[in-house]
Amino acid sequence: MGYFRLFLALSVAVRHMGIPYTFFLRGQVAVISFFIISGFFMALVINGKYHTSGDAGWKWSFYKSRALRVFPVYFVGLALMAGWMASKGHPTVYTANLGFGYLFQSAMMLMNTFTLGLDWMMLVNVVLLDQVFDPNRVVLFWSLSDTLRSGIYIILPFAWALSTILTFYLLAPFVVKSLGRILILGLASLALRMAIVFSPDLFSSWGWEYFFSPAHMVFFCMGALAYHLYLPIRQWPGAGRVGMAAMGALFIFFIGSIILEGGIFMGGGFDYHDRPQYWLYYIAITLCIPFMIVASKSWAGDRLAGELSYPMYIIHPIILLWLYDYVPMEQPLWQMLVIIIVLLSSWALLVLVDRPIQAWRTGADSMAASGIKKRSAGIRWAPLPLAGALLVASLFIVLMDEPLASPPVFIKGNDDFKVAYHKERYFAFPRMWNLLLTREDIRKIEQSASGASREEAMEVARRQPRGEAP
């Protein structure tokens, strides 16, 4: 199962590289697959470890365990991205006064630090922009240059999925022990999701399907149901063979899709991941997970591959951003080199950050179970007040700075021009411009071709000599 998780992480990374993802899953489908797998493993660890441990405070132990799994790696990624932005003069919630006041800036700092709420922020961003602008003027969120380089409010945009996962972690101890509760939550979430899908007039933006965390709970519950299927079959001698057959069928399906359609789940936009063929895939994965777990548990390297998936999800946007200006991403050999660099960086993050933290946690848990009181146990909580103090200090420092003007909003252009909406005007400029949205870049946008509409701005830009810059 670890190799499949690594394949999903690579699918997300390749999607964000902006290159054809013929041999990988669509990024959105890969993220939903992660949600299903997370539901399975959370049901597995809660029912198999915490709930049966006899510890009255097992829920608190579970939350601590998840926090130590998620946040150390995330904090490293956040620090690296914030450091890169600072080196480029790129304003962030930690370094610049955004001009929205104390409450908004402090809320954005907390969201970026602990991820909770980032999915709602992404939802509000996409839904509001879809309402303000014409529906075909899609925000260029999924283009690497515009996604990461306009991250003034959200430093790691892909962390929205962590917020959704953490929401499920908070609910899991109260849900996954009971098959009835899993069904209730799953069916309620499914009903909500179908209401969104079949009510386009009410939920007109694709963001409701992708960033609205209550509509994702059905996938976690599907994974939890897979755990209850796993219980009766794990000792069955034929389970491994069924698992191998399931993986073979999945491989044949992928290869067939590549041959017949030019890729796996090709075609469509962001809202296509609720079509019937996608749901058949989600159901098939749910049914196959228990058998795949049995079949792959003794595979060499499978555990390492699974461990690499989370560090890869965190580190890949940073590596891609660092390499973006220096590597021709459209060339296959360079694409392979970038993937290798991402893999090596993920391994380094695993070895240098995640494994030491998990080793410390395991040792501390063993000592606690043995009744040994660790003299320095209180140190484990020191980072929390320290982080709070740093956030408060940073907040007051940045609010003393001159407020920034609202940054331009990127909207859909065409093959030749990008378009930004700024100060009630539309500005068109060549797609080759890589903008960081620093003050200098904003001035550059303000000096580019402009008009009262998107089409007018692009027409003005089209009449200018090719490559002319202000």
Protein backbone atom coordinates (compact mmCIF):
# COMPACT_ATOMS: atom_id res chain seq x y z
CA MET A 1 0.00 0.00 0.00
CA GLY A 2 2.99 2.27 0.59
CA TYR A 3 3.90 2.25 -3.09
CA PHE A 4 0.37 3.29 -4.01
CA ARG A 5 0.51 6.18 -1.52
CA LEU A 6 3.82 7.28 -3.06
CA PHE A 7 2.22 7.09 -6.51
CA LEU A 8 -0.57 9.38 -5.28
CA ALA A 9 1.94 11.89 -3.88
CA LEU A 10 3.86 11.84 -7.16
CA SER A 11 0.59 12.43 -9.01
CA VAL A 12 0.03 15.61 -7.00
CA ALA A 13 3.64 16.75 -7.55
CA VAL A 14 3.51 16.12 -11.30
CA ARG A 15 0.20 17.99 -11.53
CA HIS A 16 1.76 21.01 -9.86
CA MET A 17 4.78 20.87 -12.18
CA GLY A 18 2.43 21.99 -14.94
CA ILE A 19 3.44 19.14 -17.27
CA PRO A 20 1.30 16.42 -18.89
CA TYR A 21 0.39 13.85 -16.24
CA THR A 22 -0.31 11.00 -18.64
CA PHE A 23 1.09 8.28 -16.37
CA PHE A 24 -0.29 9.68 -13.12
CA LEU A 25 -3.68 10.35 -11.58
CA ARG A 26 -5.34 13.74 -11.76
CA GLY A 27 -4.20 15.73 -8.75
CA GLN A 28 -7.73 16.15 -7.37
CA VAL A 29 -8.45 12.42 -7.60
CA ALA A 30 -5.13 11.65 -5.90
CA VAL A 31 -6.02 13.95 -2.98
CA ILE A 32 -9.44 12.29 -2.58
CA SER A 33 -7.70 8.89 -2.67
CA PHE A 34 -5.51 10.09 0.20
CA PHE A 35 -8.65 10.98 2.16
CA ILE A 36 -10.00 7.44 1.73
CA ILE A 37 -6.69 5.87 2.79
CA SER A 38 -6.44 8.23 5.79
CA GLY A 39 -9.90 7.12 6.93
CA PHE A 40 -8.76 3.49 6.83
CA PHE A 41 -5.56 4.06 8.80
CA MET A 42 -7.22 6.24 11.43
CA ALA A 43 -9.83 3.54 12.04
CA LEU A 44 -7.01 0.99 12.20
CA VAL A 45 -4.89 2.82 14.78
CA ILE A 46 -7.81 3.99 16.93
CA ASN A 47 -9.48 0.58 17.13
CA GLY A 48 -6.26 -1.40 17.22
CA LYS A 49 -4.07 0.72 19.48
CA TYR A 50 -5.66 3.60 21.36
CA HIS A 51 -9.18 2.42 22.13
CA THR A 52 -7.95 -0.97 23.39
CA SER A 53 -4.99 0.38 25.38
CA GLY A 54 -6.93 0.76 28.63
CA ASP A 55 -5.77 4.38 28.85
CA ALA A 56 -8.64 6.60 29.97
CA GLY A 57 -7.02 9.51 28.15
CA TRP A 58 -6.54 7.67 24.88
CA LYS A 59 -8.24 10.39 22.84
CA TRP A 60 -5.71 12.94 24.07
CA SER A 61 -2.88 10.50 23.29
CA PHE A 62 -4.26 10.08 19.77
CA TYR A 63 -4.41 13.84 19.21
CA LYS A 64 -0.83 14.28 20.44
CA SER A 65 0.34 11.49 18.17
CA ARG A 66 -1.31 13.03 15.12
CA ALA A 67 0.05 16.48 15.93
CA LEU A 68 3.59 15.12 16.20
CA ARG A 69 3.13 13.34 12.89
CA VAL A 70 1.75 16.33 10.99
CA PHE A 71 3.23 19.54 12.36
CA PRO A 72 7.04 19.05 12.54
CA VAL A 73 7.29 18.30 8.82
CA TYR A 74 4.76 21.02 8.03
CA PHE A 75 6.63 23.62 10.10
CA VAL A 76 9.84 22.88 8.20
CA GLY A 77 8.02 23.31 4.89
CA LEU A 78 6.38 26.51 6.11
CA ALA A 79 9.73 27.92 7.26
CA LEU A 80 11.42 27.06 3.96
CA MET A 81 8.66 28.67 1.91
CA ALA A 82 8.49 31.76 4.14
CA GLY A 83 12.29 32.04 3.93
CA TRP A 84 12.21 31.84 0.14
CA MET A 85 9.53 34.53 -0.01
CA ALA A 86 11.50 36.78 2.33
CA SER A 87 14.62 36.36 0.17
CA LYS A 88 12.61 37.57 -2.85
CA GLY A 89 11.01 40.49 -1.05
CA HIS A 90 7.63 38.76 -1.28
CA PRO A 91 5.20 40.02 1.40
CA THR A 92 3.51 37.43 3.62
CA VAL A 93 1.21 37.44 6.63
CA TYR A 94 4.30 37.12 8.84
CA THR A 95 6.30 39.98 7.33
CA ALA A 96 3.93 42.66 6.01
CA ASN A 97 0.94 44.66 7.16
CA LEU A 98 -1.84 43.50 4.84
CA GLY A 99 -4.02 46.44 5.79
CA PHE A 100 -7.02 44.45 7.05
CA GLY A 101 -6.57 45.07 10.75
CA TYR A 102 -5.53 43.11 13.83
CA LEU A 103 -8.19 40.39 13.79
CA PHE A 104 -7.82 39.42 10.13
CA GLN A 105 -4.03 39.39 10.21
CA SER A 106 -3.89 37.39 13.46
CA ALA A 107 -6.42 34.90 12.04
CA MET A 108 -4.34 34.47 8.89
CA MET A 109 -1.20 33.93 10.97
CA LEU A 110 -2.92 31.24 13.02
CA MET A 111 -4.32 29.55 9.90
CA ASN A 112 -0.93 29.47 8.21
CA THR A 113 0.78 28.20 11.35
CA PHE A 114 -1.65 25.43 12.30
CA THR A 115 -3.46 24.91 8.92
CA LEU A 116 -6.96 24.66 10.45
CA GLY A 117 -9.24 26.91 8.43
CA LEU A 118 -7.12 27.02 5.28
CA ASP A 119 -9.67 24.91 3.40
CA TRP A 120 -12.38 27.41 4.31
CA MET A 121 -10.12 30.27 3.24
CA MET A 122 -9.57 28.60 -0.12
CA LEU A 123 -13.32 28.03 -0.45
CA VAL A 124 -14.12 31.68 0.27
CA ASN A 125 -11.40 32.80 -2.14
CA VAL A 126 -12.66 30.67 -5.04
CA VAL A 127 -16.39 31.18 -4.43
CA LEU A 128 -16.14 34.95 -4.04
CA LEU A 129 -13.97 35.32 -7.12
CA ASP A 130 -16.33 33.15 -9.15
CA GLN A 131 -19.19 35.41 -8.05
CA VAL A 132 -17.36 38.70 -8.61
CA PHE A 133 -16.08 37.77 -12.06
CA ASP A 134 -17.68 36.08 -15.01
CA PRO A 135 -17.76 32.27 -14.44
CA ASN A 136 -15.37 31.62 -17.35
CA ARG A 137 -12.75 33.84 -15.78
CA VAL A 138 -11.29 31.13 -13.60
CA VAL A 139 -8.68 32.17 -11.06
CA LEU A 140 -5.25 30.94 -12.12
CA PHE A 141 -4.83 29.05 -8.87
CA TRP A 142 -3.50 25.87 -10.44
CA SER A 143 -0.70 27.45 -12.46
CA LEU A 144 2.57 27.05 -10.57
CA SER A 145 3.84 30.55 -11.25
CA ASP A 146 0.62 32.18 -10.07
CA THR A 147 -0.27 29.76 -7.28
CA LEU A 148 2.91 29.96 -5.27
CA ARG A 149 4.06 33.40 -6.27
CA SER A 150 0.86 35.12 -5.22
CA GLY A 151 0.70 33.37 -1.85
CA ILE A 152 0.50 36.52 0.23
CA TYR A 153 -2.31 35.23 2.42
CA ILE A 154 -1.66 31.48 2.30
CA ILE A 155 2.04 30.63 2.25
CA LEU A 156 1.57 26.93 1.45
CA PRO A 157 -1.69 26.80 -0.56
CA PHE A 158 -1.63 23.00 -0.77
CA ALA A 159 -1.92 22.82 3.03
CA TRP A 160 -5.69 23.24 2.67
CA ALA A 161 -5.86 19.43 2.43
CA LEU A 162 -4.11 19.16 5.82
CA SER A 163 -6.85 21.32 7.31
CA THR A 164 -9.48 18.90 5.98
CA ILE A 165 -7.52 15.89 7.26
CA LEU A 166 -7.08 17.48 10.71
CA THR A 167 -10.83 18.12 10.84
CA PHE A 168 -11.39 14.40 10.38
CA TYR A 169 -8.72 13.63 13.00
CA LEU A 170 -10.70 15.70 15.50
CA LEU A 171 -13.87 13.73 14.72
CA ALA A 172 -12.31 10.27 14.30
CA PRO A 173 -12.17 9.15 17.99
CA PHE A 174 -15.92 9.76 18.27
CA VAL A 175 -16.83 8.12 14.94
CA VAL A 176 -14.63 5.25 13.76
CA LYS A 177 -15.26 2.90 16.71
CA SER A 178 -18.91 2.53 15.70
CA LEU A 179 -20.05 1.24 12.33
CA GLY A 180 -23.35 3.07 12.84
CA ARG A 181 -21.65 6.43 13.43
CA ILE A 182 -19.47 5.93 10.37
CA LEU A 183 -22.57 5.32 8.28
CA ILE A 184 -24.42 8.32 9.73
CA LEU A 185 -21.54 10.75 9.12
CA GLY A 186 -20.74 9.25 5.72
CA LEU A 187 -24.33 9.34 4.46
CA ALA A 188 -24.85 12.89 5.76
CA SER A 189 -21.69 14.03 3.99
CA LEU A 190 -22.67 12.17 0.81
CA ALA A 191 -26.11 13.79 0.85
CA LEU A 192 -24.49 17.20 1.24
CA ARG A 193 -22.05 16.49 -1.56
CA MET A 194 -24.78 15.32 -3.93
CA ALA A 195 -26.84 18.40 -3.06
CA ILE A 196 -23.87 20.51 -4.14
CA VAL A 197 -23.31 18.52 -7.33
CA PHE A 198 -26.96 18.58 -8.40
CA SER A 199 -27.65 22.20 -7.38
CA PRO A 200 -25.36 24.18 -9.69
CA ASP A 201 -27.57 27.26 -9.44
CA LEU A 202 -27.12 27.36 -5.67
CA PHE A 203 -23.51 26.09 -5.52
CA SER A 204 -22.19 27.57 -8.74
CA SER A 205 -18.49 27.29 -7.94
CA TRP A 206 -16.38 24.12 -8.21
CA GLY A 207 -14.82 25.20 -4.90
CA TRP A 208 -17.80 23.81 -2.99
CA GLU A 209 -16.94 20.30 -4.18
CA TYR A 210 -13.21 20.59 -3.62
CA PHE A 211 -12.59 22.85 -0.61
CA PHE A 212 -15.74 22.35 1.50
CA SER A 213 -14.51 19.94 4.17
CA PRO A 214 -17.96 18.61 5.27
CA ALA A 215 -18.43 17.33 1.71
CA HIS A 216 -15.16 15.38 2.00
CA MET A 217 -16.07 13.48 5.17
CA VAL A 218 -17.77 10.80 3.05
CA PHE A 219 -14.37 9.74 1.68
CA PHE A 220 -12.82 9.38 5.14
CA CYS A 221 -15.85 7.35 6.18
CA MET A 222 -15.44 5.11 3.14
CA GLY A 223 -11.90 4.41 4.35
CA ALA A 224 -13.18 3.69 7.86
CA LEU A 225 -15.72 1.25 6.38
CA ALA A 226 -12.83 -0.44 4.56
CA TYR A 227 -11.26 -1.08 7.98
CA HIS A 228 -14.38 -2.95 9.11
CA LEU A 229 -14.13 -5.02 5.92
CA TYR A 230 -10.46 -5.64 6.73
CA LEU A 231 -11.23 -7.20 10.13
CA PRO A 232 -12.86 -10.43 8.85
CA ILE A 233 -10.56 -10.92 5.83
CA ARG A 234 -7.11 -10.21 7.30
CA GLN A 235 -6.67 -13.83 8.45
CA TRP A 236 -8.22 -15.32 5.33
CA PRO A 237 -5.51 -17.23 3.38
CA GLY A 238 -6.80 -16.00 0.03
CA ALA A 239 -6.80 -12.30 0.94
CA GLY A 240 -3.28 -11.76 -0.37
CA ARG A 241 -4.13 -13.29 -3.74
CA VAL A 242 -7.24 -11.13 -4.01
CA GLY A 243 -5.10 -8.10 -3.17
CA MET A 244 -2.61 -8.96 -5.91
CA ALA A 245 -5.48 -9.43 -8.36
CA ALA A 246 -6.95 -6.06 -7.31
CA MET A 247 -3.64 -4.28 -7.87
CA GLY A 248 -3.28 -6.04 -11.21
CA ALA A 249 -6.75 -4.92 -12.25
CA LEU A 250 -5.96 -1.36 -11.15
CA PHE A 251 -2.75 -1.43 -13.18
CA ILE A 252 -4.58 -2.75 -16.26
CA PHE A 253 -7.20 -0.02 -15.86
CA PHE A 254 -4.51 2.66 -15.70
CA ILE A 255 -2.66 1.29 -18.74
CA GLY A 256 -5.92 0.91 -20.67
CA SER A 257 -6.87 4.52 -19.88
CA ILE A 258 -3.47 5.73 -21.07
CA ILE A 259 -3.77 3.80 -24.34
CA LEU A 260 -7.41 4.63 -25.07
CA GLU A 261 -7.75 8.15 -23.63
CA GLY A 262 -4.17 9.40 -23.48
CA GLY A 263 -4.13 9.43 -19.68
CA ILE A 264 -5.85 8.36 -16.47
CA PHE A 265 -9.16 10.21 -16.01
CA MET A 266 -8.34 12.71 -18.72
CA GLY A 267 -10.62 15.51 -19.80
CA GLY A 268 -12.92 17.83 -17.94
CA GLY A 269 -12.32 20.58 -15.44
CA PHE A 270 -12.06 20.80 -11.69
CA ASP A 271 -15.65 19.65 -11.16
CA TYR A 272 -15.27 16.34 -13.00
CA HIS A 273 -14.22 14.29 -9.97
CA ASP A 274 -17.87 13.61 -9.07
CA ARG A 275 -18.76 11.95 -12.37
CA PRO A 276 -19.95 8.31 -12.23
CA GLN A 277 -16.66 6.84 -13.48
CA TYR A 278 -14.81 8.62 -10.70
CA TRP A 279 -17.18 7.31 -8.07
CA LEU A 280 -16.71 3.79 -9.44
CA TYR A 281 -12.99 4.31 -8.88
CA TYR A 282 -13.53 5.59 -5.30
CA ILE A 283 -15.73 2.59 -4.47
CA ALA A 284 -13.25 0.18 -6.07
CA ILE A 285 -10.35 1.64 -4.08
CA THR A 286 -12.39 1.38 -0.87
CA LEU A 287 -13.13 -2.30 -1.50
CA CYS A 288 -9.55 -3.06 -2.55
CA ILE A 289 -7.70 -1.37 0.34
CA PRO A 290 -8.12 -4.24 2.86
CA PHE A 291 -6.84 -6.80 0.35
CA MET A 292 -4.02 -4.54 -0.85
CA ILE A 293 -2.88 -4.07 2.76
CA VAL A 294 -2.66 -7.84 3.26
CA ALA A 295 -0.90 -8.39 -0.08
CA SER A 296 1.73 -5.67 0.35
CA LYS A 297 2.56 -5.87 4.06
CA SER A 298 5.70 -7.97 3.46
CA TRP A 299 6.96 -6.11 0.38
CA ALA A 300 10.49 -4.73 0.63
CA GLY A 301 10.49 -0.94 0.72
CA ASP A 302 6.71 -0.64 0.94
CA ARG A 303 6.79 1.03 4.35
CA LEU A 304 9.51 3.48 3.26
CA ALA A 305 7.51 4.38 0.16
CA GLY A 306 4.45 5.12 2.29
CA GLU A 307 6.49 7.20 4.74
CA LEU A 308 7.78 9.35 1.87
CA SER A 309 4.31 10.36 0.70
CA TYR A 310 3.59 13.03 3.35
CA PRO A 311 7.03 14.73 3.26
CA MET A 312 6.73 14.76 -0.54
CA TYR A 313 3.34 16.48 -0.36
CA ILE A 314 4.84 19.21 1.83
CA ILE A 315 8.23 19.71 0.19
CA HIS A 316 7.42 19.37 -3.52
CA PRO A 317 5.96 22.89 -4.06
CA ILE A 318 9.03 24.43 -2.44
CA ILE A 319 11.44 22.42 -4.60
CA LEU A 320 9.43 23.21 -7.73
CA LEU A 321 9.42 26.90 -6.88
CA TRP A 322 13.18 26.99 -6.33
CA LEU A 323 13.79 25.24 -9.65
CA TYR A 324 11.10 27.00 -11.66
CA ASP A 325 13.33 29.78 -13.00
CA TYR A 326 16.26 27.51 -13.78
CA VAL A 327 14.84 24.26 -15.19
CA PRO A 328 12.97 23.87 -18.50
CA MET A 329 10.03 21.89 -17.14
CA GLU A 330 8.76 21.05 -20.61
CA GLN A 331 11.74 18.77 -21.36
CA PRO A 332 11.27 15.12 -20.25
CA LEU A 333 14.84 14.61 -19.02
CA TRP A 334 14.60 17.67 -16.81
CA GLN A 335 11.22 16.50 -15.57
CA MET A 336 12.79 13.22 -14.46
CA LEU A 337 15.61 15.12 -12.74
CA VAL A 338 13.12 17.32 -10.88
CA ILE A 339 11.17 14.24 -9.72
CA ILE A 340 14.41 12.67 -8.46
CA ILE A 341 15.28 15.88 -6.56
CA VAL A 342 11.78 15.90 -5.02
CA LEU A 343 12.20 12.25 -3.96
CA LEU A 344 15.61 12.91 -2.39
CA SER A 345 14.32 16.01 -0.59
CA SER A 346 11.37 14.01 0.75
CA TRP A 347 13.73 11.32 2.01
CA ALA A 348 15.89 13.96 3.73
CA LEU A 349 12.83 15.46 5.42
CA LEU A 350 11.76 11.99 6.54
CA VAL A 351 15.17 11.05 7.96
CA LEU A 352 16.10 14.40 9.51
CA VAL A 353 12.72 15.50 10.88
CA ASP A 354 9.94 12.92 10.92
CA ARG A 355 11.77 9.80 12.08
CA PRO A 356 13.61 11.47 15.00
CA ILE A 357 10.32 12.97 16.21
CA GLN A 358 8.55 9.61 15.95
CA ALA A 359 11.43 7.85 17.73
CA TRP A 360 11.22 10.37 20.56
CA ARG A 361 7.44 9.98 20.74
CA THR A 362 7.65 6.18 20.82
CA GLY A 363 10.24 6.31 23.59
CA ALA A 364 8.18 8.75 25.63
CA ASP A 365 5.06 6.59 25.20
CA SER A 366 6.97 3.47 26.28
CA MET A 367 8.25 5.19 29.40
CA ALA A 368 4.77 6.44 30.24
CA ALA A 369 3.34 2.95 29.76
CA SER A 370 6.02 1.58 32.11
CA GLY A 371 5.14 4.11 34.77
CA ILE A 372 8.47 5.94 34.45
CA LYS A 373 8.15 9.67 34.90
CA LYS A 374 10.44 11.53 32.58
CA ARG A 375 11.99 14.46 34.40
CA SER A 376 12.08 16.63 31.29
CA ALA A 377 8.60 15.72 30.09
CA GLY A 378 7.44 19.29 30.53
CA ILE A 379 9.82 20.41 27.80
CA ARG A 380 7.55 18.86 25.18
CA TRP A 381 5.06 21.68 25.74
CA ALA A 382 7.64 24.48 25.56
CA PRO A 383 7.23 24.98 21.78
CA LEU A 384 3.55 25.86 22.17
CA PRO A 385 3.91 29.02 24.31
CA LEU A 386 7.06 29.89 22.34
CA ALA A 387 5.15 29.68 19.06
CA GLY A 388 2.36 31.78 20.56
CA ALA A 389 4.82 34.43 21.76
CA LEU A 390 6.51 34.57 18.34
CA LEU A 391 3.15 34.95 16.60
CA VAL A 392 2.09 37.81 18.87
CA ALA A 393 5.46 39.55 18.48
CA SER A 394 5.39 39.13 14.70
CA LEU A 395 1.84 40.45 14.57
CA PHE A 396 2.65 43.68 16.39
CA ILE A 397 5.83 44.18 14.34
CA VAL A 398 4.12 43.85 10.96
CA LEU A 399 1.16 46.01 12.00
CA MET A 400 3.60 48.84 12.68
CA ASP A 401 4.56 48.76 9.00
CA GLU A 402 2.79 50.74 6.30
CA PRO A 403 -0.25 48.74 5.08
CA LEU A 404 0.01 47.12 1.67
CA ALA A 405 -2.45 47.95 -1.05
CA SER A 406 -4.71 45.08 -2.03
CA PRO A 407 -2.72 42.90 -4.46
CA PRO A 408 -3.86 42.24 -8.03
CA VAL A 409 -6.14 39.25 -8.58
CA PHE A 410 -5.14 36.94 -11.44
CA ILE A 411 -7.99 35.92 -13.72
CA LYS A 412 -8.09 33.87 -16.89
CA GLY A 413 -6.33 35.27 -19.95
CA ASN A 414 -5.39 33.32 -23.06
CA ASP A 415 -2.38 31.56 -24.56
CA ASP A 416 -0.52 34.86 -25.01
CA PHE A 417 -1.49 37.00 -22.04
CA LYS A 418 -2.14 36.81 -18.34
CA VAL A 419 -4.75 39.16 -16.93
CA ALA A 420 -4.99 40.76 -13.49
CA TYR A 421 -7.84 42.74 -11.93
CA HIS A 422 -6.52 45.62 -9.84
CA LYS A 423 -7.93 48.96 -8.70
CA GLU A 424 -11.12 48.40 -10.72
CA ARG A 425 -9.13 47.98 -13.96
CA TYR A 426 -8.00 44.97 -15.99
CA PHE A 427 -4.32 44.63 -16.90
CA ALA A 428 -2.91 42.28 -19.57
CA PHE A 429 0.74 41.31 -19.83
CA PRO A 430 2.79 38.54 -21.51
CA ARG A 431 2.48 35.05 -20.07
CA MET A 432 6.27 34.87 -19.89
CA TRP A 433 6.31 37.39 -17.05
CA ASN A 434 7.03 35.58 -13.77
CA LEU A 435 5.68 37.84 -11.07
CA LEU A 436 6.26 37.56 -7.32
CA LEU A 437 3.73 40.32 -6.48
CA THR A 438 6.35 42.41 -4.72
CA ARG A 439 5.78 46.17 -4.75
CA GLU A 440 7.97 46.40 -7.86
CA ASP A 441 5.95 43.71 -9.63
CA ILE A 442 2.67 45.43 -8.77
CA ARG A 443 4.02 48.67 -10.26
CA LYS A 444 5.00 46.68 -13.37
CA ILE A 445 1.44 45.35 -13.68
CA GLU A 446 0.02 48.86 -13.25
CA GLN A 447 2.17 50.05 -16.18
CA SER A 448 1.07 47.24 -18.51
CA ALA A 449 -1.79 47.34 -21.02
CA SER A 450 -5.10 48.08 -19.30
CA GLY A 451 -8.78 48.40 -20.06
CA ALA A 452 -12.25 48.51 -18.57
CA SER A 453 -12.73 44.81 -19.37
CA ARG A 454 -10.59 41.74 -19.73
CA GLU A 455 -11.08 41.70 -23.51
CA GLU A 456 -10.20 45.38 -23.86
CA ALA A 457 -7.00 44.96 -21.84
CA MET A 458 -5.90 42.00 -23.98
CA GLU A 459 -6.71 43.92 -27.17
CA VAL A 460 -4.54 46.83 -26.02
CA ALA A 461 -1.75 44.39 -25.16
CA ARG A 462 -2.15 42.68 -28.55
CA ARG A 463 -1.59 45.99 -30.38
CA GLN A 464 1.66 46.61 -28.52
CA PRO A 465 4.90 45.34 -30.09
CA ARG A 466 5.56 41.74 -29.03
CA GLY A 467 7.70 41.51 -25.90
CA GLU A 468 7.36 45.23 -25.07
CA ALA A 469 7.61 45.80 -21.34
CA PRO A 470 7.07 49.03 -19.40
